[in-house]
Amino acid sequence: MQDIIEILKEIICEYVEIEPEEITAESNIRFDLGASSFDLMNIAVAIEEKFKVKNHLSLTVLHHILVLLLMTLLQKAALTLTE
């Protein structure tokens, strides 16, 4: 059976342009490997599907962050239009 770490590296490399050898246990997917918020969501879903698990808490927190970010961007756009 394939090592879990290798499977995780493969999943990450599907969404982030990086070689598996560049990923270490200390790597931060967002800041060290350059994953976007969208990449993180896709990686989380791919991990859930691969290992048949659900990580509702992390996805919920990420969802709330993305909603707040979208609201902030919409507010800035609205202010720009009214100026």
N, C-alpha and C. Protein backbone atom coordinates (compact mmCIF):
# COMPACT_ATOMS: atom_id res chain seq x y z
N MET A 1 0.84 -1.19 0.00
CA MET A 1 0.00 0.00 0.00
C MET A 1 0.88 1.25 0.00
N GLN A 2 0.44 2.24 -0.75
CA GLN A 2 1.21 3.47 -0.87
C GLN A 2 1.22 4.24 0.45
N ASP A 3 2.36 4.82 0.77
CA ASP A 3 2.52 5.60 1.99
C ASP A 3 1.57 6.80 1.99
N ILE A 4 0.95 7.08 3.12
CA ILE A 4 -0.02 8.18 3.23
C ILE A 4 0.63 9.51 2.87
N ILE A 5 1.85 9.73 3.30
CA ILE A 5 2.56 10.98 2.99
C ILE A 5 2.69 11.14 1.48
N GLU A 6 3.03 10.07 0.79
CA GLU A 6 3.18 10.13 -0.67
C GLU A 6 1.85 10.44 -1.35
N ILE A 7 0.77 9.86 -0.83
CA ILE A 7 -0.56 10.13 -1.37
C ILE A 7 -0.91 11.60 -1.18
N LEU A 8 -0.65 12.14 0.02
CA LEU A 8 -0.93 13.54 0.28
C LEU A 8 -0.10 14.46 -0.62
N LYS A 9 1.14 14.11 -0.83
CA LYS A 9 2.00 14.90 -1.73
C LYS A 9 1.43 14.90 -3.15
N GLU A 10 0.96 13.73 -3.61
CA GLU A 10 0.38 13.64 -4.95
C GLU A 10 -0.86 14.52 -5.07
N ILE A 11 -1.69 14.49 -4.03
CA ILE A 11 -2.91 15.32 -4.05
C ILE A 11 -2.54 16.79 -4.10
N ILE A 12 -1.61 17.21 -3.27
CA ILE A 12 -1.19 18.62 -3.25
C ILE A 12 -0.64 19.02 -4.61
N CYS A 13 0.17 18.16 -5.21
CA CYS A 13 0.80 18.48 -6.50
C CYS A 13 -0.21 18.56 -7.64
N GLU A 14 -1.39 17.97 -7.46
CA GLU A 14 -2.44 18.10 -8.47
C GLU A 14 -2.95 19.53 -8.55
N TYR A 15 -2.87 20.27 -7.45
CA TYR A 15 -3.45 21.61 -7.39
C TYR A 15 -2.42 22.72 -7.28
N VAL A 16 -1.20 22.40 -6.89
CA VAL A 16 -0.15 23.40 -6.72
C VAL A 16 1.02 23.01 -7.62
N GLU A 17 1.54 23.96 -8.36
CA GLU A 17 2.65 23.66 -9.27
C GLU A 17 3.95 23.53 -8.48
N ILE A 18 4.18 22.31 -8.01
CA ILE A 18 5.36 22.03 -7.20
C ILE A 18 5.66 20.54 -7.34
N GLU A 19 6.91 20.18 -7.19
CA GLU A 19 7.32 18.79 -7.25
C GLU A 19 7.16 18.15 -5.87
N PRO A 20 6.77 16.87 -5.82
CA PRO A 20 6.58 16.20 -4.53
C PRO A 20 7.81 16.27 -3.62
N GLU A 21 9.00 16.25 -4.22
CA GLU A 21 10.23 16.29 -3.42
C GLU A 21 10.39 17.61 -2.66
N GLU A 22 9.71 18.66 -3.12
CA GLU A 22 9.82 19.97 -2.48
C GLU A 22 8.94 20.09 -1.24
N ILE A 23 8.04 19.15 -1.05
CA ILE A 23 7.12 19.19 0.09
C ILE A 23 7.75 18.47 1.27
N THR A 24 7.80 19.17 2.41
CA THR A 24 8.32 18.57 3.63
C THR A 24 7.23 18.56 4.70
N ALA A 25 7.50 17.90 5.79
CA ALA A 25 6.53 17.85 6.89
C ALA A 25 6.30 19.25 7.48
N GLU A 26 7.27 20.13 7.31
CA GLU A 26 7.16 21.48 7.85
C GLU A 26 6.52 22.46 6.88
N SER A 27 6.29 22.03 5.65
CA SER A 27 5.74 22.93 4.62
C SER A 27 4.34 23.40 4.99
N ASN A 28 4.14 24.70 4.84
CA ASN A 28 2.81 25.29 4.98
C ASN A 28 2.24 25.35 3.57
N ILE A 29 1.13 24.66 3.33
CA ILE A 29 0.59 24.55 1.98
C ILE A 29 0.29 25.92 1.40
N ARG A 30 -0.23 26.80 2.20
CA ARG A 30 -0.62 28.13 1.73
C ARG A 30 0.61 29.02 1.49
N PHE A 31 1.46 29.14 2.48
CA PHE A 31 2.53 30.13 2.41
C PHE A 31 3.83 29.61 1.80
N ASP A 32 4.19 28.37 2.08
CA ASP A 32 5.44 27.83 1.53
C ASP A 32 5.26 27.26 0.13
N LEU A 33 4.10 26.68 -0.13
CA LEU A 33 3.90 26.02 -1.41
C LEU A 33 3.08 26.85 -2.39
N GLY A 34 2.50 27.94 -1.92
CA GLY A 34 1.81 28.87 -2.81
C GLY A 34 0.40 28.49 -3.19
N ALA A 35 -0.27 27.68 -2.39
CA ALA A 35 -1.64 27.30 -2.70
C ALA A 35 -2.59 28.47 -2.45
N SER A 36 -3.53 28.65 -3.36
CA SER A 36 -4.56 29.69 -3.18
C SER A 36 -5.66 29.14 -2.28
N SER A 37 -6.60 29.99 -1.91
CA SER A 37 -7.74 29.54 -1.11
C SER A 37 -8.53 28.49 -1.87
N PHE A 38 -8.68 28.71 -3.17
CA PHE A 38 -9.39 27.75 -4.01
C PHE A 38 -8.65 26.41 -4.05
N ASP A 39 -7.32 26.48 -4.15
CA ASP A 39 -6.51 25.25 -4.12
C ASP A 39 -6.72 24.51 -2.81
N LEU A 40 -6.75 25.23 -1.70
CA LEU A 40 -6.93 24.61 -0.39
C LEU A 40 -8.26 23.88 -0.30
N MET A 41 -9.31 24.49 -0.83
CA MET A 41 -10.61 23.84 -0.82
C MET A 41 -10.58 22.56 -1.66
N ASN A 42 -9.97 22.64 -2.84
CA ASN A 42 -9.87 21.46 -3.70
C ASN A 42 -9.04 20.36 -3.06
N ILE A 43 -7.96 20.74 -2.42
CA ILE A 43 -7.11 19.77 -1.73
C ILE A 43 -7.89 19.09 -0.60
N ALA A 44 -8.63 19.88 0.17
CA ALA A 44 -9.43 19.31 1.27
C ALA A 44 -10.46 18.32 0.74
N VAL A 45 -11.13 18.67 -0.34
CA VAL A 45 -12.14 17.78 -0.92
C VAL A 45 -11.47 16.51 -1.45
N ALA A 46 -10.33 16.65 -2.13
CA ALA A 46 -9.62 15.49 -2.66
C ALA A 46 -9.18 14.55 -1.54
N ILE A 47 -8.73 15.10 -0.42
CA ILE A 47 -8.32 14.28 0.73
C ILE A 47 -9.54 13.56 1.30
N GLU A 48 -10.66 14.28 1.44
CA GLU A 48 -11.88 13.66 1.94
C GLU A 48 -12.29 12.49 1.05
N GLU A 49 -12.25 12.70 -0.26
CA GLU A 49 -12.65 11.65 -1.19
C GLU A 49 -11.69 10.46 -1.15
N LYS A 50 -10.40 10.74 -1.11
CA LYS A 50 -9.40 9.68 -1.13
C LYS A 50 -9.47 8.80 0.12
N PHE A 51 -9.60 9.44 1.27
CA PHE A 51 -9.57 8.71 2.54
C PHE A 51 -10.95 8.47 3.13
N LYS A 52 -11.99 8.88 2.41
CA LYS A 52 -13.38 8.66 2.84
C LYS A 52 -13.64 9.25 4.23
N VAL A 53 -13.18 10.49 4.42
CA VAL A 53 -13.40 11.20 5.68
C VAL A 53 -14.01 12.55 5.38
N LYS A 54 -14.60 13.14 6.39
CA LYS A 54 -15.16 14.48 6.28
C LYS A 54 -14.51 15.36 7.32
N ASN A 55 -14.09 16.52 6.89
CA ASN A 55 -13.47 17.48 7.80
C ASN A 55 -14.34 18.73 7.81
N HIS A 56 -15.53 18.60 8.39
CA HIS A 56 -16.51 19.68 8.35
C HIS A 56 -16.01 20.95 9.03
N LEU A 57 -15.31 20.83 10.12
CA LEU A 57 -14.87 22.01 10.85
C LEU A 57 -13.95 22.86 9.99
N SER A 58 -12.94 22.27 9.40
CA SER A 58 -12.00 23.04 8.59
C SER A 58 -12.68 23.64 7.38
N LEU A 59 -13.54 22.87 6.72
CA LEU A 59 -14.23 23.40 5.55
C LEU A 59 -15.19 24.50 5.95
N THR A 60 -15.84 24.38 7.11
CA THR A 60 -16.74 25.41 7.57
C THR A 60 -15.99 26.70 7.86
N VAL A 61 -14.87 26.60 8.55
CA VAL A 61 -14.06 27.78 8.84
C VAL A 61 -13.57 28.42 7.55
N LEU A 62 -13.07 27.61 6.62
CA LEU A 62 -12.61 28.13 5.35
C LEU A 62 -13.74 28.80 4.59
N HIS A 63 -14.92 28.20 4.63
CA HIS A 63 -16.09 28.78 3.97
C HIS A 63 -16.40 30.15 4.55
N HIS A 64 -16.40 30.27 5.88
CA HIS A 64 -16.69 31.56 6.52
C HIS A 64 -15.66 32.61 6.14
N ILE A 65 -14.41 32.23 6.09
CA ILE A 65 -13.35 33.16 5.70
C ILE A 65 -13.58 33.65 4.27
N LEU A 66 -13.90 32.73 3.38
CA LEU A 66 -14.13 33.11 1.98
C LEU A 66 -15.35 34.02 1.83
N VAL A 67 -16.40 33.75 2.60
CA VAL A 67 -17.60 34.60 2.56
C VAL A 67 -17.26 36.00 3.06
N LEU A 68 -16.51 36.11 4.15
CA LEU A 68 -16.12 37.43 4.67
C LEU A 68 -15.25 38.17 3.66
N LEU A 69 -14.33 37.47 3.01
CA LEU A 69 -13.49 38.08 2.00
C LEU A 69 -14.32 38.59 0.84
N LEU A 70 -15.27 37.79 0.39
CA LEU A 70 -16.14 38.20 -0.71
C LEU A 70 -16.97 39.42 -0.33
N MET A 71 -17.50 39.43 0.89
CA MET A 71 -18.28 40.58 1.35
C MET A 71 -17.42 41.84 1.38
N THR A 72 -16.19 41.74 1.83
CA THR A 72 -15.29 42.88 1.87
C THR A 72 -15.01 43.40 0.47
N LEU A 73 -14.76 42.50 -0.46
CA LEU A 73 -14.50 42.90 -1.85
C LEU A 73 -15.73 43.58 -2.47
N LEU A 74 -16.91 43.05 -2.18
CA LEU A 74 -18.14 43.65 -2.70
C LEU A 74 -18.37 45.04 -2.12
N GLN A 75 -18.08 45.20 -0.83
CA GLN A 75 -18.23 46.51 -0.21
C GLN A 75 -17.27 47.52 -0.83
N LYS A 76 -16.03 47.12 -1.08
CA LYS A 76 -15.05 48.02 -1.71
C LYS A 76 -15.50 48.38 -3.12
N ALA A 77 -16.03 47.41 -3.85
CA ALA A 77 -16.52 47.68 -5.21
C ALA A 77 -17.68 48.64 -5.17
N ALA A 78 -18.57 48.49 -4.21
CA ALA A 78 -19.73 49.37 -4.09
C ALA A 78 -19.29 50.80 -3.76
N LEU A 79 -18.30 50.94 -2.88
CA LEU A 79 -17.80 52.26 -2.53
C LEU A 79 -17.15 52.93 -3.74
N THR A 80 -16.45 52.16 -4.53
CA THR A 80 -15.81 52.69 -5.74
C THR A 80 -16.86 53.19 -6.71
N LEU A 81 -17.96 52.49 -6.85
CA LEU A 81 -19.02 52.88 -7.78
C LEU A 81 -19.74 54.15 -7.33
N THR A 82 -19.82 54.39 -6.03
CA THR A 82 -20.54 55.56 -5.52
C THR A 82 -19.67 56.80 -5.47
N GLU A 83 -18.39 56.66 -5.69
CA GLU A 83 -17.49 57.82 -5.63
C GLU A 83 -17.54 58.61 -6.91
